[in-house]
C-alpha atoms as a PDB file:
ATOM      1  CA  MET A   1      -6.354 -81.774-122.308  1.00  0.00           C
ATOM      2  CA  SER A   2      -7.289 -78.158-122.817  1.00  0.00           C
ATOM      3  CA  GLU A   3     -10.492 -76.853-121.223  1.00  0.00           C
ATOM      4  CA  TYR A   4     -11.238 -75.380-124.631  1.00  0.00           C
ATOM      5  CA  LYS A   5     -12.204 -77.629-127.538  1.00  0.00           C
ATOM      6  CA  VAL A   6     -11.945 -74.831-130.077  1.00  0.00           C
ATOM      7  CA  SER A   7     -10.133 -71.520-130.279  1.00  0.00           C
ATOM      8  CA  VAL A   8     -11.721 -69.064-132.668  1.00  0.00           C
ATOM      9  CA  ILE A   9      -9.125 -66.485-133.723  1.00  0.00           C
ATOM     10  CA  VAL A  10     -10.464 -63.180-134.975  1.00  0.00           C
ATOM     11  CA  PRO A  11      -8.197 -60.444-136.436  1.00  0.00           C
ATOM     12  CA  VAL A  12      -9.994 -57.122-136.207  1.00  0.00           C
ATOM     13  CA  TYR A  13      -9.381 -53.965-138.211  1.00  0.00           C
ATOM     14  CA  LYS A  14     -11.890 -51.245-139.173  1.00  0.00           C
ATOM     15  CA  VAL A  15     -14.952 -53.495-139.153  1.00  0.00           C
ATOM     16  CA  GLU A  16     -17.309 -51.767-136.691  1.00  0.00           C
ATOM     17  CA  GLN A  17     -20.114 -52.010-139.247  1.00  0.00           C
ATOM     18  CA  TYR A  18     -20.006 -55.868-139.188  1.00  0.00           C
ATOM     19  CA  LEU A  19     -18.320 -56.729-135.916  1.00  0.00           C
ATOM     20  CA  ARG A  20     -21.344 -57.258-133.782  1.00  0.00           C
ATOM     21  CA  GLN A  21     -22.813 -59.761-136.225  1.00  0.00           C
ATOM     22  CA  CYS A  22     -19.501 -61.645-136.182  1.00  0.00           C
ATOM     23  CA  MET A  23     -19.201 -61.658-132.405  1.00  0.00           C
ATOM     24  CA  ASP A  24     -22.858 -62.597-131.880  1.00  0.00           C
ATOM     25  CA  SER A  25     -22.339 -65.640-134.113  1.00  0.00           C
ATOM     26  CA  LEU A  26     -19.340 -66.664-132.069  1.00  0.00           C
ATOM     27  CA  VAL A  27     -20.611 -66.237-128.488  1.00  0.00           C
ATOM     28  CA  GLY A  28     -23.894 -67.869-129.717  1.00  0.00           C
ATOM     29  CA  GLN A  29     -22.177 -71.147-130.803  1.00  0.00           C
ATOM     30  CA  THR A  30     -23.931 -74.279-129.506  1.00  0.00           C
ATOM     31  CA  LEU A  31     -20.525 -75.737-128.550  1.00  0.00           C
ATOM     32  CA  GLN A  32     -19.852 -74.196-125.160  1.00  0.00           C
ATOM     33  CA  GLU A  33     -16.200 -75.150-124.655  1.00  0.00           C
ATOM     34  CA  ILE A  34     -14.746 -72.476-126.988  1.00  0.00           C
ATOM     35  CA  GLU A  35     -12.654 -69.392-126.564  1.00  0.00           C
ATOM     36  CA  ILE A  36     -12.791 -66.392-128.831  1.00  0.00           C
ATOM     37  CA  VAL A  37      -9.359 -64.757-129.175  1.00  0.00           C
ATOM     38  CA  ALA A  38      -9.993 -61.310-130.747  1.00  0.00           C
ATOM     39  CA  VAL A  39      -6.917 -59.370-131.800  1.00  0.00           C
ATOM     40  CA  ASN A  40      -7.509 -55.647-132.343  1.00  0.00           C
ATOM     41  CA  ASP A  41      -4.940 -54.837-134.988  1.00  0.00           C
ATOM     42  CA  GLY A  42      -4.643 -51.152-134.156  1.00  0.00           C
ATOM     43  CA  SER A  43      -8.100 -50.442-135.547  1.00  0.00           C
ATOM     44  CA  PRO A  44      -8.844 -46.657-135.620  1.00  0.00           C
ATOM     45  CA  ASP A  45     -12.636 -46.965-135.427  1.00  0.00           C
ATOM     46  CA  ASN A  46     -14.811 -48.216-132.587  1.00  0.00           C
ATOM     47  CA  SER A  47     -13.949 -51.899-133.043  1.00  0.00           C
ATOM     48  CA  LEU A  48     -12.022 -52.081-129.788  1.00  0.00           C
ATOM     49  CA  GLN A  49     -14.898 -50.665-127.774  1.00  0.00           C
ATOM     50  CA  ILE A  50     -17.210 -53.189-129.274  1.00  0.00           C
ATOM     51  CA  LEU A  51     -14.847 -56.040-128.492  1.00  0.00           C
ATOM     52  CA  GLU A  52     -14.470 -54.897-124.925  1.00  0.00           C
ATOM     53  CA  GLU A  53     -18.229 -54.900-124.503  1.00  0.00           C
ATOM     54  CA  TYR A  54     -18.298 -58.611-125.466  1.00  0.00           C
ATOM     55  CA  GLN A  55     -15.320 -59.350-123.167  1.00  0.00           C
ATOM     56  CA  ILE A  56     -17.168 -57.804-120.231  1.00  0.00           C
ATOM     57  CA  LYS A  57     -20.414 -59.646-121.041  1.00  0.00           C
ATOM     58  CA  TYR A  58     -18.704 -63.022-121.801  1.00  0.00           C
ATOM     59  CA  PRO A  59     -15.525 -63.040-119.588  1.00  0.00           C
ATOM     60  CA  GLN A  60     -15.184 -66.815-119.682  1.00  0.00           C
ATOM     61  CA  LYS A  61     -15.332 -66.955-123.479  1.00  0.00           C
ATOM     62  CA  VAL A  62     -13.976 -63.731-125.013  1.00  0.00           C
ATOM     63  CA  ARG A  63     -10.407 -62.579-124.729  1.00  0.00           C
ATOM     64  CA  VAL A  64      -9.383 -59.300-126.352  1.00  0.00           C
ATOM     65  CA  PHE A  65      -5.838 -58.259-127.213  1.00  0.00           C
ATOM     66  CA  SER A  66      -4.682 -54.993-128.752  1.00  0.00           C
ATOM     67  CA  ILE A  67      -1.568 -54.522-130.784  1.00  0.00           C
ATOM     68  CA  GLU A  68      -0.133 -51.912-133.181  1.00  0.00           C
ATOM     69  CA  ASN A  69      -1.338 -52.327-136.720  1.00  0.00           C
ATOM     70  CA  GLN A  70       0.813 -54.848-138.477  1.00  0.00           C
ATOM     71  CA  GLY A  71      -1.611 -56.563-140.782  1.00  0.00           C
ATOM     72  CA  VAL A  72      -3.865 -59.594-140.715  1.00  0.00           C
ATOM     73  CA  SER A  73      -1.069 -62.163-140.832  1.00  0.00           C
ATOM     74  CA  HIS A  74       0.590 -60.899-137.709  1.00  0.00           C
ATOM     75  CA  ALA A  75      -2.778 -60.590-135.919  1.00  0.00           C
ATOM     76  CA  ARG A  76      -3.612 -64.216-136.813  1.00  0.00           C
ATOM     77  CA  ASN A  77      -0.181 -65.490-135.728  1.00  0.00           C
ATOM     78  CA  TYR A  78      -0.388 -63.489-132.538  1.00  0.00           C
ATOM     79  CA  GLY A  79      -3.814 -64.846-131.767  1.00  0.00           C
ATOM     80  CA  PHE A  80      -2.647 -68.388-132.342  1.00  0.00           C
ATOM     81  CA  SER A  81       0.260 -67.893-129.948  1.00  0.00           C
ATOM     82  CA  LEU A  82      -2.230 -66.936-127.193  1.00  0.00           C
ATOM     83  CA  SER A  83      -4.827 -69.541-127.986  1.00  0.00           C
ATOM     84  CA  ARG A  84      -5.379 -72.725-125.917  1.00  0.00           C
ATOM     85  CA  GLY A  85      -7.915 -74.835-127.801  1.00  0.00           C
ATOM     86  CA  GLU A  86      -7.467 -78.318-129.233  1.00  0.00           C
ATOM     87  CA  TYR A  87      -8.618 -77.064-132.591  1.00  0.00           C
ATOM     88  CA  ILE A  88      -8.294 -73.709-134.338  1.00  0.00           C
ATOM     89  CA  LEU A  89     -10.791 -71.831-136.489  1.00  0.00           C
ATOM     90  CA  PHE A  90      -9.910 -68.548-138.100  1.00  0.00           C
ATOM     91  CA  VAL A  91     -12.744 -66.148-138.669  1.00  0.00           C
ATOM     92  CA  ASP A  92     -12.463 -62.745-140.411  1.00  0.00           C
ATOM     93  CA  SER A  93     -14.207 -60.069-138.445  1.00  0.00           C
ATOM     94  CA  ASP A  94     -16.540 -58.981-141.292  1.00  0.00           C
ATOM     95  CA  ASP A  95     -17.785 -62.538-141.622  1.00  0.00           C
ATOM     96  CA  PHE A  96     -19.693 -64.871-139.310  1.00  0.00           C
ATOM     97  CA  LEU A  97     -20.375 -68.494-138.450  1.00  0.00           C
ATOM     98  CA  GLU A  98     -23.447 -70.677-138.572  1.00  0.00           C
ATOM     99  CA  LYS A  99     -24.530 -71.383-134.946  1.00  0.00           C
ATOM    100  CA  ASP A 100     -23.718 -75.092-134.988  1.00  0.00           C
ATOM    101  CA  ALA A 101     -20.406 -74.740-136.862  1.00  0.00           C
ATOM    102  CA  CYS A 102     -18.033 -75.421-133.963  1.00  0.00           C
ATOM    103  CA  ARG A 103     -20.094 -78.292-132.665  1.00  0.00           C
ATOM    104  CA  LYS A 104     -20.365 -80.101-135.941  1.00  0.00           C
ATOM    105  CA  LEU A 105     -16.691 -79.526-136.769  1.00  0.00           C
ATOM    106  CA  TYR A 106     -15.446 -80.677-133.381  1.00  0.00           C
ATOM    107  CA  GLU A 107     -17.651 -83.779-133.259  1.00  0.00           C
ATOM    108  CA  LYS A 108     -16.588 -84.787-136.769  1.00  0.00           C
ATOM    109  CA  ALA A 109     -12.885 -84.286-135.947  1.00  0.00           C
ATOM    110  CA  VAL A 110     -13.069 -86.380-132.791  1.00  0.00           C
ATOM    111  CA  ALA A 111     -15.223 -89.121-134.288  1.00  0.00           C
ATOM    112  CA  HIS A 112     -12.930 -89.624-137.283  1.00  0.00           C
ATOM    113  CA  GLY A 113      -9.529 -88.547-136.024  1.00  0.00           C
ATOM    114  CA  ASN A 114      -9.318 -85.608-138.452  1.00  0.00           C
ATOM    115  CA  ASP A 115      -6.507 -83.076-137.973  1.00  0.00           C
ATOM    116  CA  LEU A 116      -7.976 -80.953-140.831  1.00  0.00           C
ATOM    117  CA  ILE A 117     -11.583 -80.535-141.920  1.00  0.00           C
ATOM    118  CA  LEU A 118     -12.770 -78.835-145.098  1.00  0.00           C
ATOM    119  CA  PHE A 119     -16.270 -77.405-145.210  1.00  0.00           C
ATOM    120  CA  GLY A 120     -18.564 -75.267-147.309  1.00  0.00           C
ATOM    121  CA  ARG A 121     -19.296 -71.544-147.123  1.00  0.00           C
ATOM    122  CA  TYR A 122     -21.948 -69.056-148.072  1.00  0.00           C
ATOM    123  CA  HIS A 123     -20.957 -66.097-150.256  1.00  0.00           C
ATOM    124  CA  LEU A 124     -22.815 -62.896-149.363  1.00  0.00           C
ATOM    125  CA  ARG A 125     -23.008 -60.218-152.010  1.00  0.00           C
ATOM    126  CA  GLY A 126     -25.380 -57.586-150.748  1.00  0.00           C
ATOM    127  CA  ASP A 127     -28.769 -59.333-150.505  1.00  0.00           C
ATOM    128  CA  LYS A 128     -27.626 -62.287-152.646  1.00  0.00           C
ATOM    129  CA  ILE A 129     -26.429 -65.504-151.019  1.00  0.00           C
ATOM    130  CA  SER A 130     -24.830 -68.426-152.849  1.00  0.00           C
ATOM    131  CA  GLU A 131     -23.411 -71.749-151.680  1.00  0.00           C
ATOM    132  CA  LYS A 132     -19.776 -72.752-152.310  1.00  0.00           C
ATOM    133  CA  LEU A 133     -19.458 -76.547-151.904  1.00  0.00           C
ATOM    134  CA  ASN A 134     -16.573 -77.388-154.153  1.00  0.00           C
ATOM    135  CA  LEU A 135     -15.445 -80.150-151.839  1.00  0.00           C
ATOM    136  CA  PRO A 136     -13.989 -83.669-152.144  1.00  0.00           C
ATOM    137  CA  GLU A 137     -16.472 -86.493-152.450  1.00  0.00           C
ATOM    138  CA  ILE A 138     -14.548 -88.545-149.856  1.00  0.00           C
ATOM    139  CA  ASP A 139     -15.539 -88.148-146.203  1.00  0.00           C
ATOM    140  CA  ASN A 140     -12.068 -88.857-144.806  1.00  0.00           C
ATOM    141  CA  PHE A 141      -8.817 -89.194-146.731  1.00  0.00           C
ATOM    142  CA  ARG A 142      -5.102 -88.683-146.906  1.00  0.00           C
ATOM    143  CA  LEU A 143      -3.989 -86.196-149.514  1.00  0.00           C
ATOM    144  CA  ILE A 144      -1.220 -88.484-150.692  1.00  0.00           C
ATOM    145  CA  ASP A 145      -3.924 -90.944-151.812  1.00  0.00           C
ATOM    146  CA  HIS A 146      -5.976 -88.258-153.564  1.00  0.00           C
ATOM    147  CA  LYS A 147      -3.487 -85.689-154.802  1.00  0.00           C
ATOM    148  CA  GLU A 148      -5.947 -84.252-157.266  1.00  0.00           C
ATOM    149  CA  GLU A 149      -7.702 -82.665-154.314  1.00  0.00           C
ATOM    150  CA  MET A 150      -4.746 -80.421-153.681  1.00  0.00           C
ATOM    151  CA  ALA A 151      -5.238 -78.983-157.177  1.00  0.00           C
ATOM    152  CA  ARG A 152      -8.697 -77.709-156.290  1.00  0.00           C
ATOM    153  CA  LEU A 153      -8.162 -76.832-152.637  1.00  0.00           C
ATOM    154  CA  SER A 154      -9.447 -73.370-151.685  1.00  0.00           C
ATOM    155  CA  PRO A 155      -6.647 -70.951-150.742  1.00  0.00           C
ATOM    156  CA  PHE A 156      -8.440 -69.650-147.599  1.00  0.00           C
ATOM    157  CA  PRO A 157      -7.833 -70.435-143.938  1.00  0.00           C
ATOM    158  CA  TRP A 158     -11.372 -69.736-142.729  1.00  0.00           C
ATOM    159  CA  ASP A 159     -13.070 -72.682-144.423  1.00  0.00           C
ATOM    160  CA  LYS A 160     -10.818 -75.096-142.622  1.00  0.00           C
ATOM    161  CA  PHE A 161     -10.946 -76.580-139.114  1.00  0.00           C
ATOM    162  CA  ILE A 162      -7.367 -77.111-137.912  1.00  0.00           C
ATOM    163  CA  LYS A 163      -5.833 -79.216-135.142  1.00  0.00           C
ATOM    164  CA  ARG A 164      -3.453 -77.127-133.051  1.00  0.00           C
ATOM    165  CA  GLU A 165      -0.472 -79.376-133.694  1.00  0.00           C
ATOM    166  CA  LEU A 166      -1.090 -79.301-137.421  1.00  0.00           C
ATOM    167  CA  PHE A 167      -1.050 -75.516-137.654  1.00  0.00           C
ATOM    168  CA  ALA A 168       2.200 -75.462-135.566  1.00  0.00           C
ATOM    169  CA  GLN A 169       3.829 -77.444-138.386  1.00  0.00           C
ATOM    170  CA  THR A 170       3.390 -74.510-140.850  1.00  0.00           C
ATOM    171  CA  VAL A 171       5.516 -71.422-140.764  1.00  0.00           C
ATOM    172  CA  GLY A 172       2.415 -69.456-139.796  1.00  0.00           C
ATOM    173  CA  PHE A 173       0.999 -66.759-142.024  1.00  0.00           C
ATOM    174  CA  PRO A 174       3.743 -64.898-143.934  1.00  0.00           C
ATOM    175  CA  GLU A 175       3.814 -61.328-142.602  1.00  0.00           C
ATOM    176  CA  GLY A 176       4.083 -58.040-144.444  1.00  0.00           C
ATOM    177  CA  MET A 177       2.670 -59.418-147.705  1.00  0.00           C
ATOM    178  CA  ARG A 178      -0.627 -60.017-149.440  1.00  0.00           C
ATOM    179  CA  PHE A 179      -1.957 -63.467-150.564  1.00  0.00           C
ATOM    180  CA  GLU A 180      -0.863 -64.696-147.128  1.00  0.00           C
ATOM    181  CA  ASP A 181      -3.597 -67.383-147.056  1.00  0.00           C
ATOM    182  CA  LEU A 182      -2.368 -69.220-150.149  1.00  0.00           C
ATOM    183  CA  PRO A 183       0.743 -71.007-148.875  1.00  0.00           C
ATOM    184  CA  VAL A 184      -0.750 -71.808-145.446  1.00  0.00           C
ATOM    185  CA  ALA A 185      -3.844 -73.496-146.907  1.00  0.00           C
ATOM    186  CA  HIS A 186      -1.682 -75.878-148.933  1.00  0.00           C
ATOM    187  CA  MET A 187       0.886 -76.345-146.147  1.00  0.00           C
ATOM    188  CA  LEU A 188      -1.908 -77.583-143.939  1.00  0.00           C
ATOM    189  CA  ALA A 189      -3.266 -79.996-146.525  1.00  0.00           C
ATOM    190  CA  VAL A 190       0.039 -81.653-147.320  1.00  0.00           C
ATOM    191  CA  SER A 191       0.960 -81.958-143.629  1.00  0.00           C
ATOM    192  CA  ALA A 192      -2.408 -83.335-142.532  1.00  0.00           C
ATOM    193  CA  GLU A 193      -2.589 -87.044-141.676  1.00  0.00           C
ATOM    194  CA  ASN A 194      -6.388 -87.334-141.882  1.00  0.00           C
ATOM    195  CA  ILE A 195      -8.530 -84.791-143.782  1.00  0.00           C
ATOM    196  CA  GLY A 196     -12.229 -84.775-143.150  1.00  0.00           C
ATOM    197  CA  VAL A 197     -15.057 -83.177-145.152  1.00  0.00           C
ATOM    198  CA  ILE A 198     -18.378 -81.657-144.082  1.00  0.00           C
ATOM    199  CA  ARG A 199     -20.590 -80.856-147.095  1.00  0.00           C
ATOM    200  CA  GLU A 200     -22.452 -78.057-145.400  1.00  0.00           C
ATOM    201  CA  CYS A 201     -22.025 -74.276-145.473  1.00  0.00           C
ATOM    202  CA  LEU A 202     -20.831 -73.358-141.997  1.00  0.00           C
ATOM    203  CA  TYR A 203     -19.105 -70.108-142.714  1.00  0.00           C
ATOM    204  CA  ASP A 204     -20.636 -66.851-144.029  1.00  0.00           C
ATOM    205  CA  TYR A 205     -18.163 -64.972-146.204  1.00  0.00           C
ATOM    206  CA  ARG A 206     -18.918 -61.344-147.051  1.00  0.00           C
ATOM    207  CA  VAL A 207     -17.646 -60.746-150.578  1.00  0.00           C
ATOM    208  CA  GLN A 208     -15.940 -57.347-150.755  1.00  0.00           C
ATOM    209  CA  GLY A 209     -14.429 -55.678-153.793  1.00  0.00           C
ATOM    210  CA  GLY A 210     -10.752 -55.338-153.043  1.00  0.00           C
ATOM    211  CA  PHE A 211      -7.098 -55.651-153.945  1.00  0.00           C
ATOM    212  CA  LEU A 212      -7.585 -58.791-156.081  1.00  0.00           C
ATOM    213  CA  SER A 213      -9.094 -56.675-158.895  1.00  0.00           C
ATOM    214  CA  THR A 214      -6.485 -53.910-158.712  1.00  0.00           C
ATOM    215  CA  LEU A 215      -2.802 -53.672-159.560  1.00  0.00           C
ATOM    216  CA  THR A 216      -0.401 -52.454-156.898  1.00  0.00           C
ATOM    217  CA  GLU A 217       3.071 -53.209-155.713  1.00  0.00           C
ATOM    218  CA  GLU A 218       1.511 -55.796-153.445  1.00  0.00           C
ATOM    219  CA  THR A 219       0.221 -57.767-156.457  1.00  0.00           C
ATOM    220  CA  LEU A 220       3.818 -58.962-156.964  1.00  0.00           C
ATOM    221  CA  ASP A 221       3.616 -60.669-153.568  1.00  0.00           C
ATOM    222  CA  ILE A 222       1.875 -63.589-155.284  1.00  0.00           C
ATOM    223  CA  VAL A 223       5.214 -64.731-156.656  1.00  0.00           C
ATOM    224  CA  THR A 224       6.879 -64.536-153.204  1.00  0.00           C
ATOM    225  CA  GLU A 225       4.010 -66.442-151.613  1.00  0.00           C
ATOM    226  CA  LEU A 226       4.243 -69.201-154.171  1.00  0.00           C
ATOM    227  CA  ARG A 227       7.970 -69.473-153.632  1.00  0.00           C
ATOM    228  CA  ILE A 228       7.316 -69.875-149.898  1.00  0.00           C
ATOM    229  CA  LEU A 229       5.041 -72.789-150.619  1.00  0.00           C
ATOM    230  CA  ILE A 230       7.488 -74.350-153.016  1.00  0.00           C
ATOM    231  CA  ASN A 231      10.326 -74.089-150.451  1.00  0.00           C
ATOM    232  CA  PHE A 232       8.083 -75.560-147.764  1.00  0.00           C
ATOM    233  CA  LEU A 233       7.396 -78.596-149.939  1.00  0.00           C
ATOM    234  CA  LYS A 234      11.054 -78.988-150.756  1.00  0.00           C
ATOM    235  CA  LYS A 235      12.006 -78.811-147.118  1.00  0.00           C
ATOM    236  CA  LYS A 236       9.459 -81.499-146.214  1.00  0.00           C
ATOM    237  CA  GLY A 237      10.637 -83.710-149.098  1.00  0.00           C
ATOM    238  CA  LEU A 238       7.204 -83.498-150.805  1.00  0.00           C
ATOM    239  CA  TYR A 239       8.094 -81.334-153.817  1.00  0.00           C
ATOM    240  CA  GLN A 240       8.471 -84.223-156.296  1.00  0.00           C
ATOM    241  CA  GLU A 241       5.481 -86.084-154.825  1.00  0.00           C
ATOM    242  CA  TYR A 242       3.163 -83.114-155.462  1.00  0.00           C
ATOM    243  CA  HIS A 243       5.067 -81.641-158.397  1.00  0.00           C
ATOM    244  CA  GLN A 244       2.182 -81.792-160.863  1.00  0.00           C
ATOM    245  CA  GLU A 245      -0.221 -80.259-158.380  1.00  0.00           C
ATOM    246  CA  ILE A 246       2.046 -77.454-157.231  1.00  0.00           C
ATOM    247  CA  GLU A 247       2.941 -76.709-160.876  1.00  0.00           C
ATOM    248  CA  TYR A 248      -0.771 -76.268-161.599  1.00  0.00           C
ATOM    249  CA  ILE A 249      -1.360 -74.149-158.480  1.00  0.00           C
ATOM    250  CA  CYS A 250       1.497 -71.753-159.444  1.00  0.00           C
ATOM    251  CA  ALA A 251       0.380 -71.588-163.050  1.00  0.00           C
ATOM    252  CA  ARG A 252      -3.251 -70.917-162.117  1.00  0.00           C
ATOM    253  CA  HIS A 253      -2.537 -68.178-159.646  1.00  0.00           C
ATOM    254  CA  CYS A 254       0.036 -66.526-161.894  1.00  0.00           C
ATOM    255  CA  CYS A 255      -2.219 -66.636-164.983  1.00  0.00           C
ATOM    256  CA  TYR A 256      -5.096 -65.249-162.899  1.00  0.00           C
ATOM    257  CA  ARG A 257      -3.011 -62.142-162.278  1.00  0.00           C
ATOM    258  CA  PHE A 258      -2.614 -61.829-166.034  1.00  0.00           C
ATOM    259  CA  VAL A 259      -6.324 -62.365-166.649  1.00  0.00           C
ATOM    260  CA  ASN A 260      -6.984 -59.462-164.248  1.00  0.00           C
ATOM    261  CA  LEU A 261      -4.879 -57.185-166.489  1.00  0.00           C
ATOM    262  CA  ARG A 262      -7.640 -57.458-169.098  1.00  0.00           C
ATOM    263  CA  LYS A 263      -9.864 -55.419-166.767  1.00  0.00           C
ATOM    264  CA  PHE A 264      -7.113 -53.030-165.597  1.00  0.00           C
ATOM    265  CA  THR A 265      -7.495 -49.627-167.286  1.00  0.00           C
ATOM    266  CA  GLU A 266      -5.544 -47.310-165.038  1.00  0.00           C
ATOM    267  CA  LYS A 267      -2.852 -45.324-166.826  1.00  0.00           C
ATOM    268  CA  GLY A 268       0.721 -44.788-165.642  1.00  0.00           C
ATOM    269  CA  LYS A 269       1.441 -48.312-164.466  1.00  0.00           C
ATOM    270  CA  LEU A 270       3.051 -49.875-167.467  1.00  0.00           C
ATOM    271  CA  ASP A 271       6.318 -50.480-165.599  1.00  0.00           C
ATOM    272  CA  LEU A 272       4.474 -52.252-162.776  1.00  0.00           C
ATOM    273  CA  GLN A 273       2.636 -54.461-165.278  1.00  0.00           C
ATOM    274  CA  LEU A 274       5.914 -55.397-166.928  1.00  0.00           C
ATOM    275  CA  ARG A 275       7.555 -56.155-163.584  1.00  0.00           C
ATOM    276  CA  LEU A 276       4.659 -58.473-162.765  1.00  0.00           C
ATOM    277  CA  VAL A 277       5.011 -60.239-166.103  1.00  0.00           C
ATOM    278  CA  ASN A 278       8.722 -60.651-165.650  1.00  0.00           C
ATOM    279  CA  ALA A 279       8.409 -61.925-162.053  1.00  0.00           C
ATOM    280  CA  VAL A 280       5.786 -64.480-163.010  1.00  0.00           C
ATOM    281  CA  TYR A 281       7.768 -65.924-165.929  1.00  0.00           C
ATOM    282  CA  ASP A 282      10.926 -65.997-163.831  1.00  0.00           C
ATOM    283  CA  LEU A 283       9.036 -68.257-161.439  1.00  0.00           C
ATOM    284  CA  LEU A 284       7.275 -70.458-163.970  1.00  0.00           C
ATOM    285  CA  GLU A 285      10.130 -70.912-166.410  1.00  0.00           C
ATOM    286  CA  THR A 286      12.668 -71.557-163.631  1.00  0.00           C
ATOM    287  CA  GLU A 287      10.652 -73.969-161.496  1.00  0.00           C
ATOM    288  CA  PHE A 288       8.226 -75.377-164.063  1.00  0.00           C
ATOM    289  CA  PRO A 289       9.546 -75.142-167.640  1.00  0.00           C
ATOM    290  CA  ASP A 290       6.940 -77.705-168.786  1.00  0.00           C
ATOM    291  CA  TRP A 291       3.955 -76.068-167.083  1.00  0.00           C
ATOM    292  CA  ARG A 292       2.099 -75.533-170.361  1.00  0.00           C
ATOM    293  CA  GLU A 293       1.743 -79.354-170.665  1.00  0.00           C
ATOM    294  CA  ASN A 294       0.431 -79.823-167.140  1.00  0.00           C
ATOM    295  CA  ILE A 295      -2.701 -82.048-167.272  1.00  0.00           C
ATOM    296  CA  TYR A 296      -4.518 -79.777-164.755  1.00  0.00           C
ATOM    297  CA  VAL A 297      -3.700 -76.651-166.801  1.00  0.00           C
ATOM    298  CA  LYS A 298      -5.156 -78.370-169.836  1.00  0.00           C
ATOM    299  CA  GLN A 299      -8.283 -79.671-168.130  1.00  0.00           C
ATOM    300  CA  LYS A 300      -9.025 -77.625-164.968  1.00  0.00           C
ATOM    301  CA  MET A 301      -8.473 -73.980-165.787  1.00  0.00           C
ATOM    302  CA  ALA A 302     -11.623 -71.840-165.496  1.00  0.00           C
ATOM    303  CA  PRO A 303     -13.257 -70.972-168.831  1.00  0.00           C
ATOM    304  CA  GLY A 304     -12.364 -67.309-168.580  1.00  0.00           C
ATOM    305  CA  MET A 305      -8.680 -68.207-168.016  1.00  0.00           C
ATOM    306  CA  LYS A 306      -8.662 -70.796-170.820  1.00  0.00           C
ATOM    307  CA  ARG A 307      -9.655 -68.124-173.370  1.00  0.00           C
ATOM    308  CA  PHE A 308      -6.649 -66.058-172.379  1.00  0.00           C
ATOM    309  CA  LEU A 309      -4.239 -68.977-171.927  1.00  0.00           C
ATOM    310  CA  PHE A 310      -2.795 -68.678-175.413  1.00  0.00           C
ATOM    311  CA  VAL A 311      -1.469 -65.237-174.346  1.00  0.00           C
ATOM    312  CA  CYS A 312      -0.291 -66.454-170.990  1.00  0.00           C
ATOM    313  CA  GLU A 313       1.728 -69.245-172.514  1.00  0.00           C
ATOM    314  CA  ASP A 314       3.803 -66.893-174.594  1.00  0.00           C
ATOM    315  CA  PRO A 315       5.965 -64.371-172.701  1.00  0.00           C
ATOM    316  CA  LYS A 316       6.529 -62.200-175.756  1.00  0.00           C
ATOM    317  CA  LEU A 317       2.864 -62.109-176.566  1.00  0.00           C
ATOM    318  CA  MET A 318       2.041 -61.248-172.918  1.00  0.00           C
ATOM    319  CA  VAL A 319       4.461 -58.340-172.995  1.00  0.00           C
ATOM    320  CA  LYS A 320       2.980 -57.169-176.264  1.00  0.00           C
ATOM    321  CA  PHE A 321      -0.545 -57.287-174.764  1.00  0.00           C
ATOM    322  CA  VAL A 322       0.579 -55.186-171.813  1.00  0.00           C
ATOM    323  CA  LYS A 323       2.313 -52.575-173.970  1.00  0.00           C
ATOM    324  CA  ASP A 324      -0.403 -52.441-176.689  1.00  0.00           C
ATOM    325  CA  THR A 325      -3.285 -52.120-174.262  1.00  0.00           C
ATOM    326  CA  ASP A 326      -1.760 -50.049-171.409  1.00  0.00           C
ATOM    327  CA  GLY A 327      -4.378 -47.586-170.197  1.00  0.00           C
ATOM    328  CA  LYS A 328      -6.901 -48.679-172.812  1.00  0.00           C
ATOM    329  CA  PRO A 329     -10.588 -49.309-172.011  1.00  0.00           C
ATOM    330  CA  ILE A 330     -11.798 -52.871-171.489  1.00  0.00           C
ATOM    331  CA  PHE A 331     -13.501 -53.129-174.908  1.00  0.00           C
ATOM    332  CA  ARG A 332     -10.180 -52.295-176.650  1.00  0.00           C
ATOM    333  CA  LYS A 333      -8.494 -55.002-174.634  1.00  0.00           C
ATOM    334  CA  LYS A 334     -11.190 -57.499-175.632  1.00  0.00           C
ATOM    335  CA  ILE A 335     -10.722 -56.600-179.340  1.00  0.00           C
ATOM    336  CA  TRP A 336      -6.997 -57.150-179.017  1.00  0.00           C
ATOM    337  CA  VAL A 337      -7.504 -60.562-177.414  1.00  0.00           C
ATOM    338  CA  TRP A 338     -10.063 -61.726-179.997  1.00  0.00           C
ATOM    339  CA  PHE A 339      -7.956 -60.532-182.948  1.00  0.00           C
ATOM    340  CA  ARG A 340      -4.923 -62.391-181.613  1.00  0.00           C
ATOM    341  CA  TYR A 341      -7.012 -65.452-180.765  1.00  0.00           C
ATOM    342  CA  LEU A 342      -8.344 -65.660-184.403  1.00  0.00           C
ATOM    343  CA  LEU A 343      -4.851 -65.103-185.725  1.00  0.00           C
ATOM    344  CA  ASN A 344      -3.614 -67.879-183.527  1.00  0.00           C
ATOM    345  CA  LEU A 345      -6.285 -70.241-184.872  1.00  0.00           C
ATOM    346  CA  LEU A 346      -5.365 -69.377-188.471  1.00  0.00           C
ATOM    347  CA  ARG A 347      -1.691 -70.141-187.801  1.00  0.00           C
ATOM    348  CA  LYS A 348      -2.662 -73.592-186.537  1.00  0.00           C
END
């Protein structure tokens, strides 16, 4: 058995403003048998110097590694390859943990034989803090017996406590792409034999404005990441078993990209928008031609997405929306949507 009960893996890049709070929360964990594997991903600021201070002060607990910048996925995978704990916890370096997090998670896992634990998180937006506890009502379960839980699983790795052997069953975080968390979160869930739940917020997530609200070449990575997840399920022989759930997951994440286009006002990216539209429908219509009838799509879509779903369901209408509103202000896009929505109701 490892001398470490938990390995906390921390990818670090340009976070000197928040890094001390993160590291203090880790070295201050009430569970003593942990290691902190910090991977400096070629950070150009003072992050490495800060990490080295903690390594000197806590030599039995903190291990620091430096690599050339290759992105968060590579840093996490690299950290996992060097970790030695029974369980794994991924922590982003601008976030932090509640002081009893590791102890509560480890004790729960050992007591109930969990190889994956889901838990709550705090969202920090400036001075505002909100709880996120969208968790299963069952304390311990197998996903195969409660497949509906896959449809509402969060796509993040840092609100999950993972047994080492379970993470090794995944392909690791896909490298060189965005949305790298999405396939891994679901790979872990379908591969787990016993999922536990702690209905407490143990992770503090700092909400930052970022790439999710913009449109870049990397936005198209969502389709690649979803295909990685689909292929993983097919390889494990679970594609048909979870077909309804994976169909919904793909539809939801694809339609969310379309919903974001309602707020996108930058000019000169019409071609990129059309490429995104074509890539999304190529995935949905090829893998899930009946996705519009999916029970989760009909019942579980967020309200903001439901109001735009009539556009998302029609490839020609989606293309028309993109062409008609390219570079237009948000209010013009809203007028377009409401006009088409009313027209759609009249036709019915």
